[in-house]
Amino acid sequence: SGVAEATIALILMLQKRNKHTEAKLRRGEWARRGDRGEFLFGKSVGLVGLGRVGSHVARRLVNWDVRLIACDPYVAEERARSLGATLVDLPTLLAESDVVSLHASLTDETRLLIGEKALRAMKPGAILINTARGEIADEEAVARALTEGRVAGAALDPFTPEPLPAASP
């Protein structure tokens, strides 16, 4: 799926700090060792939603030597295991994941699922990817978490609303 490939690209872009390094180079600064970012190898990747897109992401990550965990109350343990993932609850996923990637459908249960409380529960230095629906993550809370350094990076696509207003944080 194209969304799964975009998700992998966004994870790698944030892990490798591509935008940060590009901005330094455009300012005439040379990147230093600390600007190289992180390896994905050996990290824990948490998938919130293991439906069609989440399953495609899991299949693409299984050979990257990552620990795949997933939160999806509608998926059987055997199905998760067949994709190389271990099912956990959301608090465990947030606390243990270096990468939190959202793939849930938008429902009353998932609307603003990733808000201030969830962002504070994330592992320090984790990154957040939302390629599901904009309404699943509270964009203003994500912006605050980034500004305060509680989240190392975030890639959001789509947004609420679209097109994104120029004044959006």
C-alpha atoms as a PDB file:
ATOM      1  CA  SER A   1       0.000   0.000   0.000  1.00  0.00           C
ATOM      2  CA  GLY A   2       1.188   3.511  -0.779  1.00  0.00           C
ATOM      3  CA  VAL A   3       0.296   4.746   2.709  1.00  0.00           C
ATOM      4  CA  ALA A   4       2.442   1.993   4.254  1.00  0.00           C
ATOM      5  CA  GLU A   5       5.411   3.005   2.098  1.00  0.00           C
ATOM      6  CA  ALA A   6       4.873   6.661   3.007  1.00  0.00           C
ATOM      7  CA  THR A   7       4.794   5.650   6.681  1.00  0.00           C
ATOM      8  CA  ILE A   8       8.143   3.850   6.381  1.00  0.00           C
ATOM      9  CA  ALA A   9       9.631   6.852   4.565  1.00  0.00           C
ATOM     10  CA  LEU A  10       8.432   9.233   7.301  1.00  0.00           C
ATOM     11  CA  ILE A  11       9.819   6.990  10.051  1.00  0.00           C
ATOM     12  CA  LEU A  12      13.226   6.889   8.371  1.00  0.00           C
ATOM     13  CA  MET A  13      13.206  10.628   7.631  1.00  0.00           C
ATOM     14  CA  LEU A  14      12.586  11.416  11.314  1.00  0.00           C
ATOM     15  CA  GLN A  15      14.993   8.772  12.640  1.00  0.00           C
ATOM     16  CA  LYS A  16      17.775  10.081  10.393  1.00  0.00           C
ATOM     17  CA  ARG A  17      16.907  13.755  11.141  1.00  0.00           C
ATOM     18  CA  ASN A  18      16.912  14.614   7.433  1.00  0.00           C
ATOM     19  CA  LYS A  19      15.047  17.927   7.729  1.00  0.00           C
ATOM     20  CA  HIS A  20      17.254  19.064  10.632  1.00  0.00           C
ATOM     21  CA  THR A  21      20.442  18.275   8.717  1.00  0.00           C
ATOM     22  CA  GLU A  22      19.125  19.887   5.536  1.00  0.00           C
ATOM     23  CA  ALA A  23      18.262  23.082   7.451  1.00  0.00           C
ATOM     24  CA  LYS A  24      21.808  23.219   8.884  1.00  0.00           C
ATOM     25  CA  LEU A  25      23.362  22.769   5.458  1.00  0.00           C
ATOM     26  CA  ARG A  26      21.151  25.505   3.985  1.00  0.00           C
ATOM     27  CA  ARG A  27      22.360  27.838   6.762  1.00  0.00           C
ATOM     28  CA  GLY A  28      25.943  27.054   5.729  1.00  0.00           C
ATOM     29  CA  GLU A  29      26.645  24.844   8.749  1.00  0.00           C
ATOM     30  CA  TRP A  30      28.216  21.444   8.426  1.00  0.00           C
ATOM     31  CA  ALA A  31      26.395  18.508  10.022  1.00  0.00           C
ATOM     32  CA  ARG A  32      28.090  16.969  13.063  1.00  0.00           C
ATOM     33  CA  ARG A  33      28.082  13.393  14.320  1.00  0.00           C
ATOM     34  CA  GLY A  34      25.113  14.141  16.610  1.00  0.00           C
ATOM     35  CA  ASP A  35      23.081  15.264  13.600  1.00  0.00           C
ATOM     36  CA  ARG A  36      23.143  11.814  12.010  1.00  0.00           C
ATOM     37  CA  GLY A  37      20.102  10.649  13.895  1.00  0.00           C
ATOM     38  CA  GLU A  38      19.241   7.196  15.090  1.00  0.00           C
ATOM     39  CA  PHE A  39      19.242   3.710  13.620  1.00  0.00           C
ATOM     40  CA  LEU A  40      15.848   2.087  13.227  1.00  0.00           C
ATOM     41  CA  PHE A  41      17.567  -1.247  13.887  1.00  0.00           C
ATOM     42  CA  GLY A  42      16.939  -2.417  17.447  1.00  0.00           C
ATOM     43  CA  LYS A  43      14.126   0.063  18.133  1.00  0.00           C
ATOM     44  CA  SER A  44      10.590  -0.674  19.289  1.00  0.00           C
ATOM     45  CA  VAL A  45       7.907   0.313  16.803  1.00  0.00           C
ATOM     46  CA  GLY A  46       4.343   0.552  18.091  1.00  0.00           C
ATOM     47  CA  LEU A  47       1.497   0.306  15.616  1.00  0.00           C
ATOM     48  CA  VAL A  48      -1.839   1.684  16.799  1.00  0.00           C
ATOM     49  CA  GLY A  49      -4.169  -0.257  14.535  1.00  0.00           C
ATOM     50  CA  LEU A  50      -3.277  -3.465  12.748  1.00  0.00           C
ATOM     51  CA  GLY A  51      -5.856  -3.376   9.963  1.00  0.00           C
ATOM     52  CA  ARG A  52      -5.048  -3.125   6.269  1.00  0.00           C
ATOM     53  CA  VAL A  53      -2.461  -0.319   6.398  1.00  0.00           C
ATOM     54  CA  GLY A  54      -1.036  -1.276   9.811  1.00  0.00           C
ATOM     55  CA  SER A  55      -0.544  -4.843   8.545  1.00  0.00           C
ATOM     56  CA  HIS A  56       1.286  -3.582   5.453  1.00  0.00           C
ATOM     57  CA  VAL A  57       3.576  -1.474   7.667  1.00  0.00           C
ATOM     58  CA  ALA A  58       4.242  -4.473   9.931  1.00  0.00           C
ATOM     59  CA  ARG A  59       5.126  -6.668   6.942  1.00  0.00           C
ATOM     60  CA  ARG A  60       7.560  -4.051   5.650  1.00  0.00           C
ATOM     61  CA  LEU A  61       9.246  -3.604   9.048  1.00  0.00           C
ATOM     62  CA  VAL A  62       9.565  -7.239  10.062  1.00  0.00           C
ATOM     63  CA  ASN A  63      13.019  -7.637   8.463  1.00  0.00           C
ATOM     64  CA  TRP A  64      14.405  -4.396   9.901  1.00  0.00           C
ATOM     65  CA  ASP A  65      15.236  -6.095  13.217  1.00  0.00           C
ATOM     66  CA  VAL A  66      12.811  -3.943  15.152  1.00  0.00           C
ATOM     67  CA  ARG A  67      10.571  -5.006  18.018  1.00  0.00           C
ATOM     68  CA  LEU A  68       7.032  -4.707  16.653  1.00  0.00           C
ATOM     69  CA  ILE A  69       4.228  -4.142  19.123  1.00  0.00           C
ATOM     70  CA  ALA A  70       0.644  -3.320  18.263  1.00  0.00           C
ATOM     71  CA  CYS A  71      -2.528  -2.136  19.927  1.00  0.00           C
ATOM     72  CA  ASP A  72      -5.770  -3.176  18.265  1.00  0.00           C
ATOM     73  CA  PRO A  73      -8.727  -4.546  20.240  1.00  0.00           C
ATOM     74  CA  TYR A  74     -10.222  -6.043  17.067  1.00  0.00           C
ATOM     75  CA  VAL A  75      -7.224  -8.169  16.045  1.00  0.00           C
ATOM     76  CA  ALA A  76      -6.573 -11.672  17.360  1.00  0.00           C
ATOM     77  CA  GLU A  77      -3.248 -12.548  18.990  1.00  0.00           C
ATOM     78  CA  GLU A  78      -2.543 -15.123  16.245  1.00  0.00           C
ATOM     79  CA  ARG A  79      -3.037 -12.518  13.506  1.00  0.00           C
ATOM     80  CA  ALA A  80      -0.627 -10.107  15.198  1.00  0.00           C
ATOM     81  CA  ARG A  81       1.905 -12.888  15.705  1.00  0.00           C
ATOM     82  CA  SER A  82       1.661 -13.868  12.010  1.00  0.00           C
ATOM     83  CA  LEU A  83       2.733 -10.291  11.194  1.00  0.00           C
ATOM     84  CA  GLY A  84       5.655 -10.399  13.642  1.00  0.00           C
ATOM     85  CA  ALA A  85       3.927  -8.173  16.193  1.00  0.00           C
ATOM     86  CA  THR A  86       2.999  -8.618  19.824  1.00  0.00           C
ATOM     87  CA  LEU A  87      -0.332  -7.228  20.987  1.00  0.00           C
ATOM     88  CA  VAL A  88      -0.182  -4.880  23.985  1.00  0.00           C
ATOM     89  CA  ASP A  89      -2.487  -2.266  25.471  1.00  0.00           C
ATOM     90  CA  LEU A  90      -2.130   1.404  24.532  1.00  0.00           C
ATOM     91  CA  PRO A  91      -0.342   2.515  27.753  1.00  0.00           C
ATOM     92  CA  THR A  92       2.297  -0.199  27.222  1.00  0.00           C
ATOM     93  CA  LEU A  93       2.699   0.704  23.557  1.00  0.00           C
ATOM     94  CA  LEU A  94       3.168   4.398  24.359  1.00  0.00           C
ATOM     95  CA  ALA A  95       5.650   3.720  27.176  1.00  0.00           C
ATOM     96  CA  GLU A  96       7.803   1.240  25.236  1.00  0.00           C
ATOM     97  CA  SER A  97       7.806   2.485  21.625  1.00  0.00           C
ATOM     98  CA  ASP A  98      10.591   4.518  20.071  1.00  0.00           C
ATOM     99  CA  VAL A  99       8.230   5.036  17.126  1.00  0.00           C
ATOM    100  CA  VAL A 100       4.447   5.332  17.549  1.00  0.00           C
ATOM    101  CA  SER A 101       2.648   4.987  14.224  1.00  0.00           C
ATOM    102  CA  LEU A 102      -1.098   5.563  13.976  1.00  0.00           C
ATOM    103  CA  HIS A 103      -3.174   3.347  11.669  1.00  0.00           C
ATOM    104  CA  ALA A 104      -6.538   3.176  13.422  1.00  0.00           C
ATOM    105  CA  SER A 105      -9.863   3.979  11.811  1.00  0.00           C
ATOM    106  CA  LEU A 106     -11.563   7.137  12.982  1.00  0.00           C
ATOM    107  CA  THR A 107     -14.289   6.287  15.497  1.00  0.00           C
ATOM    108  CA  ASP A 108     -15.651   7.912  18.639  1.00  0.00           C
ATOM    109  CA  GLU A 109     -13.085   5.799  20.548  1.00  0.00           C
ATOM    110  CA  THR A 110     -10.108   6.936  18.463  1.00  0.00           C
ATOM    111  CA  ARG A 111     -10.985  10.617  17.988  1.00  0.00           C
ATOM    112  CA  LEU A 112      -8.185  12.587  19.756  1.00  0.00           C
ATOM    113  CA  LEU A 113      -6.759   9.284  21.029  1.00  0.00           C
ATOM    114  CA  ILE A 114      -3.302  10.861  21.017  1.00  0.00           C
ATOM    115  CA  GLY A 115      -3.770  13.958  23.143  1.00  0.00           C
ATOM    116  CA  GLU A 116      -1.867  15.583  25.976  1.00  0.00           C
ATOM    117  CA  LYS A 117      -2.139  12.555  28.294  1.00  0.00           C
ATOM    118  CA  ALA A 118      -1.007  10.053  25.651  1.00  0.00           C
ATOM    119  CA  LEU A 119       1.868  12.292  24.547  1.00  0.00           C
ATOM    120  CA  ARG A 120       3.074  12.573  28.152  1.00  0.00           C
ATOM    121  CA  ALA A 121       2.921   8.779  28.415  1.00  0.00           C
ATOM    122  CA  MET A 122       5.184   8.308  25.386  1.00  0.00           C
ATOM    123  CA  LYS A 123       8.765   7.221  25.856  1.00  0.00           C
ATOM    124  CA  PRO A 124      11.063  10.278  26.033  1.00  0.00           C
ATOM    125  CA  GLY A 125      12.656  10.894  22.642  1.00  0.00           C
ATOM    126  CA  ALA A 126      10.031   8.893  20.737  1.00  0.00           C
ATOM    127  CA  ILE A 127       8.658   9.962  17.378  1.00  0.00           C
ATOM    128  CA  LEU A 128       5.016  10.043  16.281  1.00  0.00           C
ATOM    129  CA  ILE A 129       3.686   9.227  12.815  1.00  0.00           C
ATOM    130  CA  ASN A 130       0.062   9.797  11.838  1.00  0.00           C
ATOM    131  CA  THR A 131      -0.830   8.623   8.351  1.00  0.00           C
ATOM    132  CA  ALA A 132      -4.347   7.592   9.424  1.00  0.00           C
ATOM    133  CA  ARG A 133      -6.798  10.426  10.082  1.00  0.00           C
ATOM    134  CA  GLY A 134      -5.958  13.900  11.338  1.00  0.00           C
ATOM    135  CA  GLU A 135      -8.601  13.729  14.069  1.00  0.00           C
ATOM    136  CA  ILE A 136      -6.839  10.832  15.832  1.00  0.00           C
ATOM    137  CA  ALA A 137      -4.019  13.089  17.080  1.00  0.00           C
ATOM    138  CA  ASP A 138      -4.545  16.443  18.801  1.00  0.00           C
ATOM    139  CA  GLU A 139      -2.310  18.575  16.565  1.00  0.00           C
ATOM    140  CA  GLU A 140      -1.951  21.427  19.075  1.00  0.00           C
ATOM    141  CA  ALA A 141      -0.910  18.971  21.810  1.00  0.00           C
ATOM    142  CA  VAL A 142       1.599  17.404  19.387  1.00  0.00           C
ATOM    143  CA  ALA A 143       3.022  20.865  18.600  1.00  0.00           C
ATOM    144  CA  ARG A 144       3.420  21.572  22.345  1.00  0.00           C
ATOM    145  CA  ALA A 145       5.107  18.210  22.934  1.00  0.00           C
ATOM    146  CA  LEU A 146       7.574  18.993  20.130  1.00  0.00           C
ATOM    147  CA  THR A 147       8.268  22.525  21.397  1.00  0.00           C
ATOM    148  CA  GLU A 148       8.818  21.230  24.931  1.00  0.00           C
ATOM    149  CA  GLY A 149      11.107  18.440  23.691  1.00  0.00           C
ATOM    150  CA  ARG A 150       8.917  15.628  25.041  1.00  0.00           C
ATOM    151  CA  VAL A 151       8.603  14.157  21.549  1.00  0.00           C
ATOM    152  CA  ALA A 152      11.667  14.047  19.296  1.00  0.00           C
ATOM    153  CA  GLY A 153       9.730  14.353  16.052  1.00  0.00           C
ATOM    154  CA  ALA A 154       6.338  14.048  14.422  1.00  0.00           C
ATOM    155  CA  ALA A 155       5.087  13.501  10.892  1.00  0.00           C
ATOM    156  CA  LEU A 156       1.403  14.211  10.407  1.00  0.00           C
ATOM    157  CA  ASP A 157      -0.467  13.530   7.180  1.00  0.00           C
ATOM    158  CA  PRO A 158      -3.391  14.293   7.006  1.00  0.00           C
ATOM    159  CA  PHE A 159      -4.308  17.339   9.058  1.00  0.00           C
ATOM    160  CA  THR A 160      -7.465  18.725  10.638  1.00  0.00           C
ATOM    161  CA  PRO A 161      -8.626  20.816   8.842  1.00  0.00           C
ATOM    162  CA  GLU A 162      -7.270  20.581   5.330  1.00  0.00           C
ATOM    163  CA  PRO A 163      -5.794  22.646   3.857  1.00  0.00           C
ATOM    164  CA  LEU A 164      -3.795  23.404   6.979  1.00  0.00           C
ATOM    165  CA  PRO A 165      -4.106  27.092   7.966  1.00  0.00           C
ATOM    166  CA  ALA A 166      -0.859  29.078   7.678  1.00  0.00           C
ATOM    167  CA  ALA A 167      -1.040  29.973  11.404  1.00  0.00           C
ATOM    168  CA  SER A 168      -1.238  26.347  12.530  1.00  0.00           C
ATOM    169  CA  PRO A 169       1.474  25.356  15.003  1.00  0.00           C
END
